[in-house]
Amino acid sequence: MRRLILIALLLSGCTSFDPISFLSGLRVVTMIGAPPELAPGQSATVTAVLPPDSALDGGAIDYAWAYCTMPPVAGAGETVSDDCITHETAPYLIPLPSGAPTTMVTMPKVTPLALGLPDGTGGFYLPVRLRVSAAGQTLTSVYRLRLNLDQPPNQNPVIDGVFQVGPGAPDAGGDSDGGAPGLMPLVENMPIEVHAGDVITLRATTTAASHETYLQPSGSSASNLTFTPTVEQPGYDWYATAGEFDIDTTGDDRPDTKLTFDKHLPPSGATVDVYVVALDHRGGTAVAHRTLLFR
């Protein structure tokens, strides 16, 4: 799921065989638009979430923002045009306020098809590009801001719980206050202790309001187009600065992931950062951060 929302390229020419869920060096965990869906002329903030050590040597991070009006090539399987990513400047790359992890974007007055073909939800998206640079490395990421077409706009999901899962936990969902047996809430700034060889099972949940209903189009042409009420089921992408997940993406069909501390182990006393990113069908995003103490 994460690859449909965030495109990460050009990392200083380095090659890594680590899973995408392992956070090391210069990384963008996700980007969040608030709100995630806009009519032309409306504005949103877009914020990039980076791990604490992304500056690598403790130096400053440079943020360069722009949005791109070049649509992807029809039939090429692109969600974002390569030109939006590879070119430094171009008439279709519109600079945005830069120098910080947050920028302001105003949806241009464009027709939907000027942004390309719709996705499976009937959505059209404006690519918002971020280039971050630090310690001689550069990373390019793209967030897709949804164009509103006179329907109730999508809202970002809300993560209401991150849990360590133990025996007796329910199959899915669970009590957001940790009242369900087997679900222990992980609380920000109150890290649990982990050790080499430990395996912990993790789960995230979102509020009931995060499961929005929208009209999903289907049909091969405008003459036989139908719309089916569809309930969004957010999925969850997991990231950590140590250990390895058995699966990187969870959802209602498989709500739990196991984080095993057998790789990428930090020194004793170090903090392990864990991020979970909730993604809905229409570009809505939420993120939660928790820490663990490695001994």
Protein backbone atom coordinates (compact mmCIF):
# COMPACT_ATOMS: atom_id res chain seq x y z
CA MET A 1 0.00 0.00 0.00
CA ARG A 2 2.77 2.45 0.85
CA ARG A 3 4.09 2.45 -2.72
CA LEU A 4 0.86 3.95 -4.10
CA ILE A 5 1.15 6.97 -1.83
CA LEU A 6 4.87 7.60 -1.41
CA ILE A 7 7.50 7.32 -4.13
CA ALA A 8 11.07 7.45 -2.88
CA LEU A 9 13.93 7.72 -5.37
CA LEU A 10 17.40 9.11 -5.97
CA LEU A 11 18.94 8.25 -2.62
CA SER A 12 22.48 9.30 -3.43
CA GLY A 13 22.89 6.37 -5.81
CA CYS A 14 23.01 3.93 -2.88
CA THR A 15 21.65 0.39 -3.16
CA SER A 16 20.12 -1.29 -0.13
CA PHE A 17 18.55 -4.71 0.23
CA ASP A 18 16.96 -3.87 3.57
CA PRO A 19 13.14 -3.92 3.63
CA ILE A 20 11.40 -0.59 3.11
CA SER A 21 10.10 -0.83 6.69
CA PHE A 22 13.63 -0.46 8.12
CA LEU A 23 14.38 3.21 8.78
CA SER A 24 18.00 4.18 8.32
CA GLY A 25 19.68 7.33 7.11
CA LEU A 26 17.74 9.92 5.16
CA ARG A 27 14.10 8.80 4.99
CA VAL A 28 10.61 10.21 4.64
CA VAL A 29 8.19 7.98 6.53
CA THR A 30 5.09 9.54 4.99
CA MET A 31 3.47 12.82 4.02
CA ILE A 32 0.10 14.04 5.26
CA GLY A 33 -2.22 16.51 3.58
CA ALA A 34 -4.59 18.42 5.84
CA PRO A 35 -7.14 18.17 4.38
CA PRO A 36 -6.32 15.38 1.91
CA GLU A 37 -8.95 16.41 -0.67
CA LEU A 38 -9.51 19.90 -2.09
CA ALA A 39 -11.63 21.75 -4.60
CA PRO A 40 -9.82 24.14 -6.97
CA GLY A 41 -8.78 27.30 -5.14
CA GLN A 42 -8.80 25.63 -1.70
CA SER A 43 -5.57 25.17 0.29
CA ALA A 44 -4.04 22.44 2.43
CA THR A 45 -0.89 21.97 4.46
CA VAL A 46 1.32 19.04 3.47
CA THR A 47 3.70 17.77 6.14
CA ALA A 48 6.58 15.33 5.77
CA VAL A 49 7.35 12.97 8.66
CA LEU A 50 11.04 12.09 9.03
CA PRO A 51 12.71 9.87 11.66
CA PRO A 52 14.85 11.62 14.29
CA ASP A 53 18.19 10.61 12.71
CA SER A 54 17.40 11.59 9.13
CA ALA A 55 20.00 14.38 9.21
CA LEU A 56 22.59 11.59 9.47
CA ASP A 57 25.44 13.63 10.90
CA GLY A 58 23.24 15.96 12.93
CA GLY A 59 23.38 18.67 10.29
CA ALA A 60 20.54 20.62 8.79
CA ILE A 61 17.97 19.17 6.39
CA ASP A 62 17.02 21.14 3.29
CA TYR A 63 13.40 20.92 2.11
CA ALA A 64 12.43 21.89 -1.46
CA TRP A 65 8.70 21.67 -2.33
CA ALA A 66 6.85 21.92 -5.65
CA TYR A 67 3.69 20.60 -7.25
CA CYS A 68 3.53 19.10 -10.72
CA THR A 69 0.88 19.59 -13.41
CA MET A 70 2.33 17.03 -15.84
CA PRO A 71 -0.07 14.06 -15.98
CA PRO A 72 1.27 10.50 -16.13
CA VAL A 73 1.40 8.81 -19.52
CA ALA A 74 -1.86 6.96 -20.22
CA GLY A 75 -1.31 3.20 -20.30
CA ALA A 76 2.20 3.38 -18.85
CA GLY A 77 1.13 2.18 -15.42
CA GLU A 78 2.37 5.36 -13.74
CA THR A 79 0.57 7.01 -10.83
CA VAL A 80 2.93 10.01 -11.13
CA SER A 81 4.73 11.15 -14.28
CA ASP A 82 8.45 10.39 -14.25
CA ASP A 83 9.00 13.97 -15.40
CA CYS A 84 7.62 15.20 -12.08
CA ILE A 85 10.36 13.29 -10.28
CA THR A 86 13.43 13.43 -12.48
CA HIS A 87 13.47 17.07 -13.57
CA GLU A 88 14.86 19.73 -11.28
CA THR A 89 12.88 22.57 -12.82
CA ALA A 90 10.26 22.76 -15.59
CA PRO A 91 7.25 24.91 -16.50
CA TYR A 92 4.97 22.24 -15.04
CA LEU A 93 6.87 22.20 -11.69
CA ILE A 94 5.38 24.99 -9.58
CA PRO A 95 7.55 25.96 -6.58
CA LEU A 96 5.93 25.95 -3.15
CA PRO A 97 7.09 27.52 0.14
CA SER A 98 10.23 25.58 1.07
CA GLY A 99 12.80 25.28 3.85
CA ALA A 100 10.59 23.41 6.35
CA PRO A 101 8.93 19.98 6.63
CA THR A 102 5.51 21.62 6.07
CA THR A 103 4.29 23.58 3.07
CA MET A 104 1.02 25.15 1.88
CA VAL A 105 -0.59 23.97 -1.37
CA THR A 106 -3.49 25.61 -3.21
CA MET A 107 -5.27 23.29 -5.63
CA PRO A 108 -4.93 24.87 -9.10
CA LYS A 109 -7.98 25.42 -11.26
CA VAL A 110 -7.56 22.39 -13.49
CA THR A 111 -9.96 19.95 -15.07
CA PRO A 112 -9.79 16.42 -13.67
CA LEU A 113 -8.40 14.85 -16.84
CA ALA A 114 -5.58 17.41 -16.84
CA LEU A 115 -4.23 15.42 -13.87
CA GLY A 116 -4.44 12.08 -15.68
CA LEU A 117 -6.85 9.16 -15.55
CA PRO A 118 -8.87 8.37 -12.39
CA ASP A 119 -7.86 5.64 -9.98
CA GLY A 120 -10.16 2.84 -8.84
CA THR A 121 -12.03 5.17 -6.50
CA GLY A 122 -12.70 7.70 -9.26
CA GLY A 123 -10.07 10.04 -7.85
CA PHE A 124 -7.74 12.51 -9.57
CA TYR A 125 -4.57 13.65 -7.81
CA LEU A 126 -2.15 16.57 -7.87
CA PRO A 127 1.44 15.36 -7.26
CA VAL A 128 3.20 17.37 -4.53
CA ARG A 129 6.95 16.77 -4.69
CA LEU A 130 9.42 17.06 -1.84
CA ARG A 131 13.20 16.89 -2.17
CA VAL A 132 15.05 16.56 1.11
CA SER A 133 18.83 16.84 1.29
CA ALA A 134 21.27 16.24 4.13
CA ALA A 135 24.91 15.19 4.43
CA GLY A 136 25.37 14.91 0.68
CA GLN A 137 22.28 12.75 0.13
CA THR A 138 19.05 13.69 -1.64
CA LEU A 139 15.69 11.94 -1.47
CA THR A 140 12.67 12.68 -3.66
CA SER A 141 9.17 11.80 -2.43
CA VAL A 142 5.72 12.52 -3.85
CA TYR A 143 2.39 12.99 -2.08
CA ARG A 144 -0.79 12.83 -4.17
CA LEU A 145 -3.35 15.47 -3.14
CA ARG A 146 -6.86 14.49 -4.19
CA LEU A 147 -9.03 16.82 -6.29
CA ASN A 148 -12.59 17.17 -4.97
CA LEU A 149 -15.38 16.71 -7.54
CA ASP A 150 -18.40 18.12 -5.68
CA GLN A 151 -18.73 15.08 -3.41
CA PRO A 152 -18.28 14.98 0.37
CA PRO A 153 -14.48 15.32 0.65
CA ASN A 154 -12.34 12.58 2.09
CA GLN A 155 -10.96 13.07 5.59
CA ASN A 156 -7.76 11.69 7.03
CA PRO A 157 -8.14 8.57 9.18
CA VAL A 158 -7.43 8.87 12.90
CA ILE A 159 -5.26 6.28 14.69
CA ASP A 160 -6.81 5.70 18.10
CA GLY A 161 -4.52 2.97 19.39
CA VAL A 162 -1.18 1.20 18.95
CA PHE A 163 -0.96 -2.02 20.92
CA GLN A 164 1.31 -4.83 21.92
CA VAL A 165 -0.74 -7.96 21.31
CA GLY A 166 -0.71 -10.84 23.76
CA PRO A 167 -2.69 -14.03 24.41
CA GLY A 168 -6.45 -13.60 24.41
CA ALA A 169 -6.52 -10.61 22.08
CA PRO A 170 -9.54 -10.35 19.74
CA ASP A 171 -8.99 -11.25 16.09
CA ALA A 172 -9.31 -7.64 14.89
CA GLY A 173 -10.36 -4.21 16.11
CA GLY A 174 -10.31 -4.32 19.87
CA ASP A 175 -10.81 -1.71 22.56
CA SER A 176 -8.99 1.54 21.80
CA ASP A 177 -8.56 2.08 25.55
CA GLY A 178 -6.82 -1.26 25.97
CA GLY A 179 -9.76 -2.81 27.80
CA ALA A 180 -9.81 -5.88 25.60
CA PRO A 181 -7.85 -8.83 27.00
CA GLY A 182 -4.47 -9.26 25.40
CA LEU A 183 -4.14 -5.70 24.10
CA MET A 184 -1.63 -3.50 25.92
CA PRO A 185 -1.60 0.11 24.70
CA LEU A 186 1.79 1.51 23.74
CA VAL A 187 1.98 5.09 24.99
CA GLU A 188 4.15 7.77 23.42
CA ASN A 189 7.16 8.67 25.64
CA MET A 190 6.52 5.61 27.86
CA PRO A 191 8.67 2.99 26.10
CA ILE A 192 8.55 -0.69 26.93
CA GLU A 193 11.87 -2.53 27.16
CA VAL A 194 13.00 -4.95 24.44
CA HIS A 195 16.08 -7.14 24.05
CA ALA A 196 18.01 -9.00 21.38
CA GLY A 197 15.95 -11.99 20.23
CA ASP A 198 12.64 -10.59 21.49
CA VAL A 199 9.54 -10.86 19.29
CA ILE A 200 6.69 -8.45 19.95
CA THR A 201 3.34 -8.47 18.16
CA LEU A 202 1.90 -5.08 17.20
CA ARG A 203 -1.51 -3.84 16.09
CA ALA A 204 -3.00 -0.43 15.27
CA THR A 205 -6.64 0.66 15.15
CA THR A 206 -8.48 3.65 13.74
CA THR A 207 -11.65 5.39 14.91
CA ALA A 208 -15.06 4.34 13.58
CA ALA A 209 -15.29 7.68 11.74
CA SER A 210 -12.17 6.72 9.77
CA HIS A 211 -14.22 4.06 7.97
CA GLU A 212 -15.92 6.51 5.63
CA THR A 213 -18.45 5.54 2.97
CA TYR A 214 -17.91 6.80 -0.57
CA LEU A 215 -19.35 6.05 -4.01
CA GLN A 216 -16.97 3.81 -5.95
CA PRO A 217 -17.44 3.96 -9.73
CA SER A 218 -17.48 0.92 -11.98
CA GLY A 219 -18.20 0.36 -15.66
CA SER A 220 -16.32 0.37 -18.93
CA SER A 221 -17.69 3.66 -20.27
CA ALA A 222 -19.71 6.72 -19.29
CA SER A 223 -22.88 5.10 -20.64
CA ASN A 224 -22.79 2.16 -18.21
CA LEU A 225 -21.14 3.84 -15.24
CA THR A 226 -22.55 2.80 -11.87
CA PHE A 227 -21.65 3.84 -8.32
CA THR A 228 -21.51 1.47 -5.37
CA PRO A 229 -21.42 2.65 -1.73
CA THR A 230 -18.09 1.41 -0.40
CA VAL A 231 -16.75 1.56 3.14
CA GLU A 232 -13.07 2.44 3.47
CA GLN A 233 -10.98 -0.07 5.41
CA PRO A 234 -7.70 1.67 6.30
CA GLY A 235 -4.53 -0.36 6.03
CA TYR A 236 -1.38 0.13 8.10
CA ASP A 237 2.25 0.41 7.02
CA TRP A 238 4.86 -0.29 9.70
CA TYR A 239 8.38 1.13 10.08
CA ALA A 240 11.09 0.81 12.75
CA THR A 241 14.71 1.82 13.30
CA ALA A 242 15.68 -1.66 14.56
CA GLY A 243 14.57 -5.24 14.10
CA GLU A 244 12.48 -6.59 11.24
CA PHE A 245 8.71 -7.00 10.71
CA ASP A 246 7.33 -10.30 9.43
CA ILE A 247 4.84 -8.29 7.32
CA ASP A 248 5.17 -4.58 6.56
CA THR A 249 1.48 -3.88 5.89
CA THR A 250 -1.50 -4.96 8.01
CA GLY A 251 -5.26 -4.56 7.74
CA ASP A 252 -8.56 -6.09 8.78
CA ASP A 253 -7.72 -9.40 7.10
CA ARG A 254 -4.41 -9.62 8.97
CA PRO A 255 -4.32 -7.06 11.79
CA ASP A 256 -1.02 -8.00 13.47
CA THR A 257 2.67 -7.85 12.61
CA LYS A 258 5.59 -9.31 14.53
CA LEU A 259 8.71 -7.20 15.13
CA THR A 260 11.72 -9.45 15.76
CA PHE A 261 14.91 -8.02 17.22
CA ASP A 262 17.44 -10.13 15.36
CA LYS A 263 18.71 -7.53 12.82
CA HIS A 264 19.82 -3.91 12.82
CA LEU A 265 20.28 -3.91 16.58
CA PRO A 266 21.29 -0.63 18.28
CA PRO A 267 23.54 -0.34 21.33
CA SER A 268 22.06 -1.04 24.73
CA GLY A 269 20.14 1.94 26.09
CA ALA A 270 19.22 3.23 22.64
CA THR A 271 15.73 4.27 21.62
CA VAL A 272 13.95 2.32 18.89
CA ASP A 273 11.48 4.42 16.91
CA VAL A 274 8.35 2.68 15.62
CA TYR A 275 5.96 4.35 13.17
CA VAL A 276 2.61 3.13 11.89
CA VAL A 277 1.00 4.91 8.94
CA ALA A 278 -2.74 4.46 8.34
CA LEU A 279 -3.81 4.84 4.70
CA ASP A 280 -7.35 4.87 3.36
CA HIS A 281 -8.53 4.21 -0.21
CA ARG A 282 -8.55 7.86 -1.30
CA GLY A 283 -5.21 9.28 -0.17
CA GLY A 284 -6.06 9.96 3.47
CA THR A 285 -3.13 9.43 5.83
CA ALA A 286 -2.40 9.36 9.56
CA VAL A 287 0.75 8.50 11.49
CA ALA A 288 1.51 7.41 15.04
CA HIS A 289 4.95 7.20 16.64
CA ARG A 290 6.00 5.04 19.58
CA THR A 291 9.37 4.34 21.16
CA LEU A 292 10.91 1.20 22.61
CA LEU A 293 13.96 0.98 24.89
CA PHE A 294 16.57 -1.50 23.71
CA ARG A 295 18.62 -3.25 26.40
